[in-house]
Amino acid sequence: MQTMTYRTTFALDGTTASHLKRLAKLWRVSKAEVVRRAVAQAESSAVPDKPDPLVLLRAYHAKGGLDPARAEQWLKGIEEDRKHWRKQ
């Protein structure tokens, strides 16, 4: 068993405290162990709010990125759209 080195105090509402007590009894572990397990599970399933743009860019480049001919075609399309828009 691990040696616990951090002590923490926090306040819980009655419903949460009851759930904690019930889980501890059901799992036959301490309330602290219930909290440890819940925190570990929450962290492992946590999803960042927004993906990291740099990670996405690196993944995109790792897959080959954008074909230069296709990029040029896209830029020409944008240029044509701008010319059309400016005439109006």
Protein backbone atom coordinates (compact mmCIF):
# COMPACT_ATOMS: atom_id res chain seq x y z
CA MET A 1 0.00 0.00 0.00
CA GLN A 2 1.21 3.49 -0.82
CA THR A 3 2.24 5.86 1.93
CA MET A 4 -0.04 8.87 1.87
CA THR A 5 1.89 12.11 2.21
CA TYR A 6 -0.73 14.80 1.45
CA ARG A 7 -3.63 15.68 3.66
CA THR A 8 -6.49 17.73 2.29
CA THR A 9 -9.60 19.18 3.85
CA PHE A 10 -12.65 20.11 1.82
CA ALA A 11 -16.35 20.63 2.40
CA LEU A 12 -19.06 18.56 0.71
CA ASP A 13 -22.79 19.05 0.50
CA GLY A 14 -24.94 16.42 2.19
CA THR A 15 -25.82 14.56 -1.00
CA THR A 16 -22.21 14.22 -2.11
CA ALA A 17 -21.13 13.15 1.38
CA SER A 18 -23.83 10.44 1.35
CA HIS A 19 -22.72 9.20 -2.06
CA LEU A 20 -19.12 9.11 -0.87
CA LYS A 21 -20.06 7.14 2.24
CA ARG A 22 -22.21 4.69 0.23
CA LEU A 23 -19.46 4.08 -2.34
CA ALA A 24 -16.90 3.49 0.38
CA LYS A 25 -19.17 0.91 1.98
CA LEU A 26 -20.05 -0.71 -1.36
CA TRP A 27 -16.43 -0.95 -2.49
CA ARG A 28 -15.19 -1.79 1.03
CA VAL A 29 -12.56 0.93 0.94
CA SER A 30 -11.97 4.20 2.75
CA LYS A 31 -13.61 7.44 1.66
CA ALA A 32 -10.14 8.67 0.71
CA GLU A 33 -9.75 5.69 -1.64
CA VAL A 34 -13.11 6.48 -3.24
CA VAL A 35 -11.89 10.03 -3.88
CA ARG A 36 -8.55 8.77 -5.28
CA ARG A 37 -10.34 6.41 -7.66
CA ALA A 38 -12.83 9.06 -8.76
CA VAL A 39 -10.06 11.59 -9.42
CA ALA A 40 -8.01 9.05 -11.37
CA GLN A 41 -11.01 8.09 -13.50
CA ALA A 42 -11.98 11.72 -14.10
CA GLU A 43 -8.45 12.61 -15.19
CA SER A 44 -8.13 9.64 -17.54
CA SER A 45 -11.39 10.48 -19.29
CA ALA A 46 -10.93 14.27 -19.32
CA VAL A 47 -10.94 15.94 -22.72
CA PRO A 48 -9.33 19.32 -23.20
CA ASP A 49 -11.76 22.14 -23.94
CA LYS A 50 -10.02 22.99 -27.19
CA PRO A 51 -7.53 20.94 -29.17
CA ASP A 52 -3.99 22.31 -29.26
CA PRO A 53 -3.55 23.99 -32.68
CA LEU A 54 0.13 23.09 -32.82
CA VAL A 55 -0.63 19.41 -32.21
CA LEU A 56 -3.27 19.51 -34.95
CA LEU A 57 -0.88 21.20 -37.37
CA ARG A 58 1.86 18.67 -36.70
CA ALA A 59 -0.59 15.79 -37.22
CA TYR A 60 -1.75 17.40 -40.48
CA HIS A 61 1.82 17.71 -41.74
CA ALA A 62 2.62 14.16 -40.64
CA LYS A 63 -0.18 12.97 -42.93
CA GLY A 64 1.39 14.80 -45.87
CA GLY A 65 -0.15 18.24 -45.48
CA LEU A 66 -1.71 20.04 -48.42
CA ASP A 67 -0.70 19.15 -51.96
CA PRO A 68 1.04 22.24 -53.50
CA ALA A 69 -1.08 22.08 -56.67
CA ARG A 70 -4.27 21.93 -54.63
CA ALA A 71 -3.08 24.81 -52.45
CA GLU A 72 -2.37 26.91 -55.54
CA GLN A 73 -5.82 26.11 -56.93
CA TRP A 74 -7.41 27.16 -53.63
CA LEU A 75 -5.47 30.44 -53.57
CA LYS A 76 -6.52 31.22 -57.17
CA GLY A 77 -10.14 30.60 -56.22
CA ILE A 78 -9.82 33.03 -53.32
CA GLU A 79 -8.22 35.63 -55.61
CA GLU A 80 -11.06 35.27 -58.13
CA ASP A 81 -13.66 35.62 -55.38
CA ARG A 82 -11.99 38.81 -54.16
CA LYS A 83 -11.90 40.28 -57.67
CA HIS A 84 -15.60 39.52 -58.07
CA TRP A 85 -16.45 40.97 -54.65
CA ARG A 86 -14.49 44.19 -55.26
CA LYS A 87 -16.37 44.86 -58.52
CA GLN A 88 -19.69 44.98 -56.69
